[in-house]
Amino acid sequence: MANFFYLDYEKHGVKIVDRESAFNSDIVFKLKPPTLEEAKLLKENAILFSVMYPEDNTDLLKSLADKKVTAFAMDCIPNSTTTKQFHVNSFIEAAAGYK
């Protein structure tokens, strides 16, 4: 967590939870692709934002589809101003409210 203590996050309203609770949330942001084990922890109809490399992770996509997860493969969303792929850090910055 980037050299910050849990208390630094908590005093700004962040709730630190265990892995199972995090993956059982309605909306999950994850920088690396979820493992198959992590995909099983997602609740049905969850929303997942993550890098997924779908062409290399067909088993993951099947697992997500079986749980009716709405998944946004952030590595596949094009940049709106160029034909290049989306810069993955941009989605994390946007989620964090970076301007």
PDB file of N, CA and C in Angstrom:
ATOM      1  N   MET A   1       0.802  -1.189   0.000  1.00  0.00           N
ATOM      2  CA  MET A   1       0.000   0.000   0.000  1.00  0.00           C
ATOM      3  C   MET A   1       0.853   1.265   0.000  1.00  0.00           C
ATOM      4  N   ALA A   2       1.855   1.289  -0.775  1.00  0.00           N
ATOM      5  CA  ALA A   2       2.604   2.513  -1.075  1.00  0.00           C
ATOM      6  C   ALA A   2       3.097   3.284   0.144  1.00  0.00           C
ATOM      7  N   ASN A   3       3.658   2.594   1.111  1.00  0.00           N
ATOM      8  CA  ASN A   3       4.259   3.227   2.294  1.00  0.00           C
ATOM      9  C   ASN A   3       3.282   4.015   3.153  1.00  0.00           C
ATOM     10  N   PHE A   4       2.015   3.689   3.111  1.00  0.00           N
ATOM     11  CA  PHE A   4       1.029   4.293   3.998  1.00  0.00           C
ATOM     12  C   PHE A   4       0.597   3.240   5.011  1.00  0.00           C
ATOM     13  N   PHE A   5       0.273   3.657   6.194  1.00  0.00           N
ATOM     14  CA  PHE A   5      -0.225   2.752   7.218  1.00  0.00           C
ATOM     15  C   PHE A   5      -1.731   2.607   7.082  1.00  0.00           C
ATOM     16  N   TYR A   6      -2.263   1.487   7.543  1.00  0.00           N
ATOM     17  CA  TYR A   6      -3.711   1.277   7.496  1.00  0.00           C
ATOM     18  C   TYR A   6      -4.455   2.448   8.128  1.00  0.00           C
ATOM     19  N   LEU A   7      -3.940   2.973   9.219  1.00  0.00           N
ATOM     20  CA  LEU A   7      -4.609   4.091   9.890  1.00  0.00           C
ATOM     21  C   LEU A   7      -4.709   5.323   8.996  1.00  0.00           C
ATOM     22  N   ASP A   8      -3.708   5.514   8.124  1.00  0.00           N
ATOM     23  CA  ASP A   8      -3.761   6.645   7.187  1.00  0.00           C
ATOM     24  C   ASP A   8      -4.972   6.512   6.265  1.00  0.00           C
ATOM     25  N   TYR A   9      -5.240   5.306   5.821  1.00  0.00           N
ATOM     26  CA  TYR A   9      -6.404   5.069   4.964  1.00  0.00           C
ATOM     27  C   TYR A   9      -7.695   5.189   5.757  1.00  0.00           C
ATOM     28  N   GLU A  10      -7.720   4.550   6.936  1.00  0.00           N
ATOM     29  CA  GLU A  10      -8.941   4.529   7.737  1.00  0.00           C
ATOM     30  C   GLU A  10      -9.387   5.916   8.176  1.00  0.00           C
ATOM     31  N   LYS A  11      -8.449   6.819   8.466  1.00  0.00           N
ATOM     32  CA  LYS A  11      -8.863   8.158   8.893  1.00  0.00           C
ATOM     33  C   LYS A  11      -9.481   8.958   7.743  1.00  0.00           C
ATOM     34  N   HIS A  12      -9.366   8.447   6.522  1.00  0.00           N
ATOM     35  CA  HIS A  12      -9.998   9.073   5.359  1.00  0.00           C
ATOM     36  C   HIS A  12     -11.205   8.267   4.873  1.00  0.00           C
ATOM     37  N   GLY A  13     -11.694   7.378   5.742  1.00  0.00           N
ATOM     38  CA  GLY A  13     -12.931   6.664   5.441  1.00  0.00           C
ATOM     39  C   GLY A  13     -12.789   5.322   4.753  1.00  0.00           C
ATOM     40  N   VAL A  14     -11.560   4.856   4.543  1.00  0.00           N
ATOM     41  CA  VAL A  14     -11.355   3.562   3.895  1.00  0.00           C
ATOM     42  C   VAL A  14     -11.545   2.453   4.921  1.00  0.00           C
ATOM     43  N   LYS A  15     -12.226   1.410   4.533  1.00  0.00           N
ATOM     44  CA  LYS A  15     -12.401   0.258   5.404  1.00  0.00           C
ATOM     45  C   LYS A  15     -11.494  -0.858   4.888  1.00  0.00           C
ATOM     46  N   ILE A  16     -10.553  -1.293   5.704  1.00  0.00           N
ATOM     47  CA  ILE A  16      -9.632  -2.372   5.340  1.00  0.00           C
ATOM     48  C   ILE A  16     -10.306  -3.699   5.675  1.00  0.00           C
ATOM     49  N   VAL A  17     -10.405  -4.579   4.678  1.00  0.00           N
ATOM     50  CA  VAL A  17     -11.074  -5.872   4.881  1.00  0.00           C
ATOM     51  C   VAL A  17     -10.168  -6.999   4.409  1.00  0.00           C
ATOM     52  N   ASP A  18     -10.550  -8.217   4.753  1.00  0.00           N
ATOM     53  CA  ASP A  18      -9.778  -9.376   4.303  1.00  0.00           C
ATOM     54  C   ASP A  18     -10.096  -9.673   2.835  1.00  0.00           C
ATOM     55  N   ARG A  19      -9.319 -10.556   2.264  1.00  0.00           N
ATOM     56  CA  ARG A  19      -9.419 -10.871   0.838  1.00  0.00           C
ATOM     57  C   ARG A  19     -10.814 -11.350   0.445  1.00  0.00           C
ATOM     58  N   GLU A  20     -11.373 -12.265   1.229  1.00  0.00           N
ATOM     59  CA  GLU A  20     -12.686 -12.815   0.900  1.00  0.00           C
ATOM     60  C   GLU A  20     -13.754 -11.723   0.900  1.00  0.00           C
ATOM     61  N   SER A  21     -13.685 -10.829   1.871  1.00  0.00           N
ATOM     62  CA  SER A  21     -14.656  -9.731   1.930  1.00  0.00           C
ATOM     63  C   SER A  21     -14.487  -8.785   0.749  1.00  0.00           C
ATOM     64  N   ALA A  22     -13.251  -8.515   0.375  1.00  0.00           N
ATOM     65  CA  ALA A  22     -12.995  -7.622  -0.759  1.00  0.00           C
ATOM     66  C   ALA A  22     -13.577  -8.194  -2.047  1.00  0.00           C
ATOM     67  N   PHE A  23     -13.363  -9.475  -2.280  1.00  0.00           N
ATOM     68  CA  PHE A  23     -13.871 -10.090  -3.509  1.00  0.00           C
ATOM     69  C   PHE A  23     -15.371 -10.335  -3.456  1.00  0.00           C
ATOM     70  N   ASN A  24     -15.976 -10.241  -2.280  1.00  0.00           N
ATOM     71  CA  ASN A  24     -17.413 -10.413  -2.137  1.00  0.00           C
ATOM     72  C   ASN A  24     -18.144  -9.072  -2.222  1.00  0.00           C
ATOM     73  N   SER A  25     -17.461  -8.039  -2.679  1.00  0.00           N
ATOM     74  CA  SER A  25     -18.062  -6.712  -2.833  1.00  0.00           C
ATOM     75  C   SER A  25     -18.882  -6.643  -4.120  1.00  0.00           C
ATOM     76  N   ASP A  26     -19.729  -5.634  -4.204  1.00  0.00           N
ATOM     77  CA  ASP A  26     -20.522  -5.440  -5.420  1.00  0.00           C
ATOM     78  C   ASP A  26     -19.643  -5.019  -6.598  1.00  0.00           C
ATOM     79  N   ILE A  27     -18.628  -4.184  -6.311  1.00  0.00           N
ATOM     80  CA  ILE A  27     -17.716  -3.685  -7.340  1.00  0.00           C
ATOM     81  C   ILE A  27     -16.290  -3.947  -6.883  1.00  0.00           C
ATOM     82  N   VAL A  28     -15.480  -4.529  -7.779  1.00  0.00           N
ATOM     83  CA  VAL A  28     -14.091  -4.865  -7.453  1.00  0.00           C
ATOM     84  C   VAL A  28     -13.178  -4.253  -8.511  1.00  0.00           C
ATOM     85  N   PHE A  29     -12.141  -3.544  -8.052  1.00  0.00           N
ATOM     86  CA  PHE A  29     -11.082  -3.039  -8.915  1.00  0.00           C
ATOM     87  C   PHE A  29      -9.836  -3.857  -8.621  1.00  0.00           C
ATOM     88  N   LYS A  30      -9.185  -4.376  -9.656  1.00  0.00           N
ATOM     89  CA  LYS A  30      -7.969  -5.164  -9.452  1.00  0.00           C
ATOM     90  C   LYS A  30      -7.018  -4.880 -10.593  1.00  0.00           C
ATOM     91  N   LEU A  31      -5.773  -4.561 -10.271  1.00  0.00           N
ATOM     92  CA  LEU A  31      -4.827  -4.207 -11.321  1.00  0.00           C
ATOM     93  C   LEU A  31      -4.399  -5.431 -12.123  1.00  0.00           C
ATOM     94  N   LYS A  32      -4.010  -6.490 -11.459  1.00  0.00           N
ATOM     95  CA  LYS A  32      -3.620  -7.720 -12.162  1.00  0.00           C
ATOM     96  C   LYS A  32      -4.861  -8.560 -12.422  1.00  0.00           C
ATOM     97  N   PRO A  33      -4.802  -9.430 -13.434  1.00  0.00           N
ATOM     98  CA  PRO A  33      -5.961 -10.289 -13.686  1.00  0.00           C
ATOM     99  C   PRO A  33      -6.267 -11.145 -12.461  1.00  0.00           C
ATOM    100  N   PRO A  34      -7.547 -11.337 -12.153  1.00  0.00           N
ATOM    101  CA  PRO A  34      -7.867 -12.216 -11.036  1.00  0.00           C
ATOM    102  C   PRO A  34      -7.481 -13.653 -11.366  1.00  0.00           C
ATOM    103  N   THR A  35      -7.085 -14.383 -10.345  1.00  0.00           N
ATOM    104  CA  THR A  35      -6.820 -15.807 -10.526  1.00  0.00           C
ATOM    105  C   THR A  35      -8.167 -16.524 -10.589  1.00  0.00           C
ATOM    106  N   LEU A  36      -8.161 -17.778 -10.992  1.00  0.00           N
ATOM    107  CA  LEU A  36      -9.407 -18.549 -10.995  1.00  0.00           C
ATOM    108  C   LEU A  36      -9.957 -18.671  -9.579  1.00  0.00           C
ATOM    109  N   GLU A  37      -9.077 -18.795  -8.604  1.00  0.00           N
ATOM    110  CA  GLU A  37      -9.502 -18.866  -7.200  1.00  0.00           C
ATOM    111  C   GLU A  37     -10.194 -17.565  -6.780  1.00  0.00           C
ATOM    112  N   GLU A  38      -9.621 -16.434  -7.183  1.00  0.00           N
ATOM    113  CA  GLU A  38     -10.228 -15.147  -6.860  1.00  0.00           C
ATOM    114  C   GLU A  38     -11.560 -14.973  -7.580  1.00  0.00           C
ATOM    115  N   ALA A  39     -11.652 -15.429  -8.814  1.00  0.00           N
ATOM    116  CA  ALA A  39     -12.908 -15.337  -9.561  1.00  0.00           C
ATOM    117  C   ALA A  39     -14.021 -16.098  -8.844  1.00  0.00           C
ATOM    118  N   LYS A  40     -13.680 -17.213  -8.220  1.00  0.00           N
ATOM    119  CA  LYS A  40     -14.678 -17.993  -7.472  1.00  0.00           C
ATOM    120  C   LYS A  40     -15.182 -17.238  -6.248  1.00  0.00           C
ATOM    121  N   LEU A  41     -14.361 -16.326  -5.716  1.00  0.00           N
ATOM    122  CA  LEU A  41     -14.764 -15.548  -4.543  1.00  0.00           C
ATOM    123  C   LEU A  41     -15.723 -14.410  -4.881  1.00  0.00           C
ATOM    124  N   LEU A  42     -15.772 -14.012  -6.157  1.00  0.00           N
ATOM    125  CA  LEU A  42     -16.667 -12.923  -6.559  1.00  0.00           C
ATOM    126  C   LEU A  42     -18.123 -13.342  -6.388  1.00  0.00           C
ATOM    127  N   LYS A  43     -18.945 -12.417  -5.950  1.00  0.00           N
ATOM    128  CA  LYS A  43     -20.361 -12.722  -5.800  1.00  0.00           C
ATOM    129  C   LYS A  43     -21.035 -12.704  -7.170  1.00  0.00           C
ATOM    130  N   GLU A  44     -22.131 -13.404  -7.279  1.00  0.00           N
ATOM    131  CA  GLU A  44     -22.884 -13.400  -8.524  1.00  0.00           C
ATOM    132  C   GLU A  44     -23.348 -11.984  -8.825  1.00  0.00           C
ATOM    133  N   ASN A  45     -23.266 -11.595 -10.094  1.00  0.00           N
ATOM    134  CA  ASN A  45     -23.656 -10.274 -10.596  1.00  0.00           C
ATOM    135  C   ASN A  45     -22.744  -9.140 -10.139  1.00  0.00           C
ATOM    136  N   ALA A  46     -21.546  -9.472  -9.670  1.00  0.00           N
ATOM    137  CA  ALA A  46     -20.581  -8.433  -9.291  1.00  0.00           C
ATOM    138  C   ALA A  46     -20.117  -7.691 -10.539  1.00  0.00           C
ATOM    139  N   ILE A  47     -19.479  -6.557 -10.311  1.00  0.00           N
ATOM    140  CA  ILE A  47     -18.868  -5.781 -11.392  1.00  0.00           C
ATOM    141  C   ILE A  47     -17.371  -5.778 -11.134  1.00  0.00           C
ATOM    142  N   LEU A  48     -16.595  -6.146 -12.146  1.00  0.00           N
ATOM    143  CA  LEU A  48     -15.148  -6.253 -12.017  1.00  0.00           C
ATOM    144  C   LEU A  48     -14.461  -5.362 -13.034  1.00  0.00           C
ATOM    145  N   PHE A  49     -13.553  -4.514 -12.550  1.00  0.00           N
ATOM    146  CA  PHE A  49     -12.679  -3.718 -13.405  1.00  0.00           C
ATOM    147  C   PHE A  49     -11.275  -4.250 -13.198  1.00  0.00           C
ATOM    148  N   SER A  50     -10.656  -4.756 -14.270  1.00  0.00           N
ATOM    149  CA  SER A  50      -9.323  -5.323 -14.126  1.00  0.00           C
ATOM    150  C   SER A  50      -8.658  -5.457 -15.489  1.00  0.00           C
ATOM    151  N   VAL A  51      -7.357  -5.597 -15.453  1.00  0.00           N
ATOM    152  CA  VAL A  51      -6.638  -6.064 -16.632  1.00  0.00           C
ATOM    153  C   VAL A  51      -6.957  -7.551 -16.719  1.00  0.00           C
ATOM    154  N   MET A  52      -7.257  -8.063 -17.921  1.00  0.00           N
ATOM    155  CA  MET A  52      -7.641  -9.476 -18.013  1.00  0.00           C
ATOM    156  C   MET A  52      -6.940 -10.271 -19.101  1.00  0.00           C
ATOM    157  N   TYR A  53      -6.382  -9.614 -20.089  1.00  0.00           N
ATOM    158  CA  TYR A  53      -5.763 -10.329 -21.213  1.00  0.00           C
ATOM    159  C   TYR A  53      -6.682 -11.470 -21.669  1.00  0.00           C
ATOM    160  N   PRO A  54      -7.875 -11.138 -22.156  1.00  0.00           N
ATOM    161  CA  PRO A  54      -8.881 -12.163 -22.443  1.00  0.00           C
ATOM    162  C   PRO A  54      -8.429 -13.260 -23.405  1.00  0.00           C
ATOM    163  N   GLU A  55      -7.588 -12.912 -24.361  1.00  0.00           N
ATOM    164  CA  GLU A  55      -7.143 -13.945 -25.312  1.00  0.00           C
ATOM    165  C   GLU A  55      -6.278 -15.009 -24.640  1.00  0.00           C
ATOM    166  N   ASP A  56      -5.705 -14.693 -23.498  1.00  0.00           N
ATOM    167  CA  ASP A  56      -4.857 -15.648 -22.773  1.00  0.00           C
ATOM    168  C   ASP A  56      -5.556 -16.256 -21.561  1.00  0.00           C
ATOM    169  N   ASN A  57      -6.757 -15.801 -21.236  1.00  0.00           N
ATOM    170  CA  ASN A  57      -7.425 -16.231 -20.010  1.00  0.00           C
ATOM    171  C   ASN A  57      -8.868 -16.677 -20.256  1.00  0.00           C
ATOM    172  N   THR A  58      -9.040 -17.588 -21.200  1.00  0.00           N
ATOM    173  CA  THR A  58     -10.398 -18.027 -21.533  1.00  0.00           C
ATOM    174  C   THR A  58     -11.068 -18.746 -20.360  1.00  0.00           C
ATOM    175  N   ASP A  59     -10.301 -19.476 -19.551  1.00  0.00           N
ATOM    176  CA  ASP A  59     -10.884 -20.140 -18.380  1.00  0.00           C
ATOM    177  C   ASP A  59     -11.405 -19.104 -17.382  1.00  0.00           C
ATOM    178  N   LEU A  60     -10.665 -18.017 -17.215  1.00  0.00           N
ATOM    179  CA  LEU A  60     -11.102 -16.936 -16.330  1.00  0.00           C
ATOM    180  C   LEU A  60     -12.403 -16.332 -16.843  1.00  0.00           C
ATOM    181  N   LEU A  61     -12.476 -16.046 -18.133  1.00  0.00           N
ATOM    182  CA  LEU A  61     -13.685 -15.446 -18.698  1.00  0.00           C
ATOM    183  C   LEU A  61     -14.896 -16.359 -18.533  1.00  0.00           C
ATOM    184  N   LYS A  62     -14.686 -17.664 -18.702  1.00  0.00           N
ATOM    185  CA  LYS A  62     -15.786 -18.615 -18.503  1.00  0.00           C
ATOM    186  C   LYS A  62     -16.247 -18.599 -17.056  1.00  0.00           C
ATOM    187  N   SER A  63     -15.293 -18.572 -16.139  1.00  0.00           N
ATOM    188  CA  SER A  63     -15.631 -18.536 -14.717  1.00  0.00           C
ATOM    189  C   SER A  63     -16.427 -17.276 -14.376  1.00  0.00           C
ATOM    190  N   LEU A  64     -16.012 -16.132 -14.923  1.00  0.00           N
ATOM    191  CA  LEU A  64     -16.724 -14.878 -14.680  1.00  0.00           C
ATOM    192  C   LEU A  64     -18.130 -14.922 -15.288  1.00  0.00           C
ATOM    193  N   ALA A  65     -18.239 -15.463 -16.487  1.00  0.00           N
ATOM    194  CA  ALA A  65     -19.548 -15.563 -17.149  1.00  0.00           C
ATOM    195  C   ALA A  65     -20.481 -16.484 -16.365  1.00  0.00           C
ATOM    196  N   ASP A  66     -19.950 -17.584 -15.833  1.00  0.00           N
ATOM    197  CA  ASP A  66     -20.767 -18.510 -15.046  1.00  0.00           C
ATOM    198  C   ASP A  66     -21.354 -17.833 -13.805  1.00  0.00           C
ATOM    199  N   LYS A  67     -20.649 -16.859 -13.258  1.00  0.00           N
ATOM    200  CA  LYS A  67     -21.131 -16.130 -12.070  1.00  0.00           C
ATOM    201  C   LYS A  67     -21.882 -14.851 -12.451  1.00  0.00           C
ATOM    202  N   LYS A  68     -22.085 -14.650 -13.751  1.00  0.00           N
ATOM    203  CA  LYS A  68     -22.794 -13.469 -14.260  1.00  0.00           C
ATOM    204  C   LYS A  68     -22.117 -12.168 -13.831  1.00  0.00           C
ATOM    205  N   VAL A  69     -20.792 -12.185 -13.806  1.00  0.00           N
ATOM    206  CA  VAL A  69     -20.014 -10.999 -13.463  1.00  0.00           C
ATOM    207  C   VAL A  69     -19.946 -10.087 -14.681  1.00  0.00           C
ATOM    208  N   THR A  70     -20.198  -8.802 -14.477  1.00  0.00           N
ATOM    209  CA  THR A  70     -19.979  -7.815 -15.526  1.00  0.00           C
ATOM    210  C   THR A  70     -18.517  -7.413 -15.420  1.00  0.00           C
ATOM    211  N   ALA A  71     -17.726  -7.780 -16.417  1.00  0.00           N
ATOM    212  CA  ALA A  71     -16.279  -7.571 -16.353  1.00  0.00           C
ATOM    213  C   ALA A  71     -15.838  -6.563 -17.412  1.00  0.00           C
ATOM    214  N   PHE A  72     -15.046  -5.594 -16.971  1.00  0.00           N
ATOM    215  CA  PHE A  72     -14.458  -4.604 -17.862  1.00  0.00           C
ATOM    216  C   PHE A  72     -12.972  -4.910 -17.966  1.00  0.00           C
ATOM    217  N   ALA A  73     -12.537  -5.404 -19.125  1.00  0.00           N
ATOM    218  CA  ALA A  73     -11.123  -5.690 -19.362  1.00  0.00           C
ATOM    219  C   ALA A  73     -10.434  -4.382 -19.715  1.00  0.00           C
ATOM    220  N   MET A  74      -9.835  -3.764 -18.724  1.00  0.00           N
ATOM    221  CA  MET A  74      -9.288  -2.421 -18.899  1.00  0.00           C
ATOM    222  C   MET A  74      -8.153  -2.377 -19.924  1.00  0.00           C
ATOM    223  N   ASP A  75      -7.528  -3.517 -20.186  1.00  0.00           N
ATOM    224  CA  ASP A  75      -6.469  -3.555 -21.194  1.00  0.00           C
ATOM    225  C   ASP A  75      -7.033  -3.584 -22.611  1.00  0.00           C
ATOM    226  N   CYS A  76      -8.347  -3.681 -22.752  1.00  0.00           N
ATOM    227  CA  CYS A  76      -8.965  -3.764 -24.079  1.00  0.00           C
ATOM    228  C   CYS A  76      -9.784  -2.535 -24.440  1.00  0.00           C
ATOM    229  N   ILE A  77      -9.920  -1.601 -23.530  1.00  0.00           N
ATOM    230  CA  ILE A  77     -10.704  -0.403 -23.809  1.00  0.00           C
ATOM    231  C   ILE A  77      -9.803   0.609 -24.508  1.00  0.00           C
ATOM    232  N   PRO A  78     -10.181   1.054 -25.699  1.00  0.00           N
ATOM    233  CA  PRO A  78      -9.313   1.987 -26.425  1.00  0.00           C
ATOM    234  C   PRO A  78      -9.288   3.371 -25.789  1.00  0.00           C
ATOM    235  N   ASN A  79      -8.196   4.040 -25.981  1.00  0.00           N
ATOM    236  CA  ASN A  79      -8.073   5.433 -25.567  1.00  0.00           C
ATOM    237  C   ASN A  79      -9.003   6.247 -26.445  1.00  0.00           C
ATOM    238  N   SER A  80      -9.746   7.157 -25.873  1.00  0.00           N
ATOM    239  CA  SER A  80     -10.735   7.906 -26.644  1.00  0.00           C
ATOM    240  C   SER A  80     -10.111   8.941 -27.587  1.00  0.00           C
ATOM    241  N   THR A  81      -8.829   9.262 -27.378  1.00  0.00           N
ATOM    242  CA  THR A  81      -8.212  10.293 -28.220  1.00  0.00           C
ATOM    243  C   THR A  81      -7.232   9.730 -29.234  1.00  0.00           C
ATOM    244  N   THR A  82      -6.896   8.465 -29.112  1.00  0.00           N
ATOM    245  CA  THR A  82      -5.977   7.834 -30.063  1.00  0.00           C
ATOM    246  C   THR A  82      -6.468   6.427 -30.362  1.00  0.00           C
ATOM    247  N   THR A  83      -5.796   5.756 -31.244  1.00  0.00           N
ATOM    248  CA  THR A  83      -6.153   4.364 -31.526  1.00  0.00           C
ATOM    249  C   THR A  83      -5.372   3.399 -30.644  1.00  0.00           C
ATOM    250  N   LYS A  84      -4.589   3.935 -29.732  1.00  0.00           N
ATOM    251  CA  LYS A  84      -3.823   3.082 -28.821  1.00  0.00           C
ATOM    252  C   LYS A  84      -4.738   2.513 -27.754  1.00  0.00           C
ATOM    253  N   GLN A  85      -4.271   1.414 -27.139  1.00  0.00           N
ATOM    254  CA  GLN A  85      -5.031   0.847 -26.040  1.00  0.00           C
ATOM    255  C   GLN A  85      -5.034   1.798 -24.855  1.00  0.00           C
ATOM    256  N   PHE A  86      -6.023   1.647 -24.025  1.00  0.00           N
ATOM    257  CA  PHE A  86      -6.195   2.446 -22.825  1.00  0.00           C
ATOM    258  C   PHE A  86      -4.967   2.310 -21.927  1.00  0.00           C
ATOM    259  N   HIS A  87      -4.522   3.400 -21.373  1.00  0.00           N
ATOM    260  CA  HIS A  87      -3.420   3.353 -20.418  1.00  0.00           C
ATOM    261  C   HIS A  87      -4.005   2.856 -19.106  1.00  0.00           C
ATOM    262  N   VAL A  88      -3.588   1.664 -18.676  1.00  0.00           N
ATOM    263  CA  VAL A  88      -4.207   0.987 -17.542  1.00  0.00           C
ATOM    264  C   VAL A  88      -4.207   1.841 -16.285  1.00  0.00           C
ATOM    265  N   ASN A  89      -3.160   2.584 -16.030  1.00  0.00           N
ATOM    266  CA  ASN A  89      -3.129   3.415 -14.821  1.00  0.00           C
ATOM    267  C   ASN A  89      -4.209   4.484 -14.836  1.00  0.00           C
ATOM    268  N   SER A  90      -4.672   4.864 -16.014  1.00  0.00           N
ATOM    269  CA  SER A  90      -5.710   5.893 -16.104  1.00  0.00           C
ATOM    270  C   SER A  90      -6.993   5.462 -15.408  1.00  0.00           C
ATOM    271  N   PHE A  91      -7.326   4.182 -15.506  1.00  0.00           N
ATOM    272  CA  PHE A  91      -8.567   3.752 -14.856  1.00  0.00           C
ATOM    273  C   PHE A  91      -8.427   3.770 -13.344  1.00  0.00           C
ATOM    274  N   ILE A  92      -7.245   3.504 -12.832  1.00  0.00           N
ATOM    275  CA  ILE A  92      -7.033   3.547 -11.390  1.00  0.00           C
ATOM    276  C   ILE A  92      -7.073   5.001 -10.912  1.00  0.00           C
ATOM    277  N   GLU A  93      -6.448   5.891 -11.677  1.00  0.00           N
ATOM    278  CA  GLU A  93      -6.470   7.308 -11.325  1.00  0.00           C
ATOM    279  C   GLU A  93      -7.894   7.837 -11.344  1.00  0.00           C
ATOM    280  N   ALA A  94      -8.678   7.430 -12.338  1.00  0.00           N
ATOM    281  CA  ALA A  94     -10.061   7.900 -12.432  1.00  0.00           C
ATOM    282  C   ALA A  94     -10.871   7.395 -11.251  1.00  0.00           C
ATOM    283  N   ALA A  95     -10.672   6.138 -10.874  1.00  0.00           N
ATOM    284  CA  ALA A  95     -11.412   5.576  -9.740  1.00  0.00           C
ATOM    285  C   ALA A  95     -11.045   6.280  -8.435  1.00  0.00           C
ATOM    286  N   ALA A  96      -9.799   6.728  -8.347  1.00  0.00           N
ATOM    287  CA  ALA A  96      -9.340   7.395  -7.131  1.00  0.00           C
ATOM    288  C   ALA A  96      -9.705   8.880  -7.117  1.00  0.00           C
ATOM    289  N   GLY A  97     -10.289   9.383  -8.202  1.00  0.00           N
ATOM    290  CA  GLY A  97     -10.700  10.779  -8.257  1.00  0.00           C
ATOM    291  C   GLY A  97      -9.612  11.718  -8.717  1.00  0.00           C
ATOM    292  N   TYR A  98      -8.560  11.190  -9.333  1.00  0.00           N
ATOM    293  CA  TYR A  98      -7.467  12.034  -9.817  1.00  0.00           C
ATOM    294  C   TYR A  98      -7.967  12.940 -10.928  1.00  0.00           C
ATOM    295  N   LYS A  99      -7.554  14.196 -10.909  1.00  0.00           N
ATOM    296  CA  LYS A  99      -7.969  15.129 -11.965  1.00  0.00           C
ATOM    297  C   LYS A  99      -6.761  15.693 -12.656  1.00  0.00           C
TER     298      LYS A  99
END
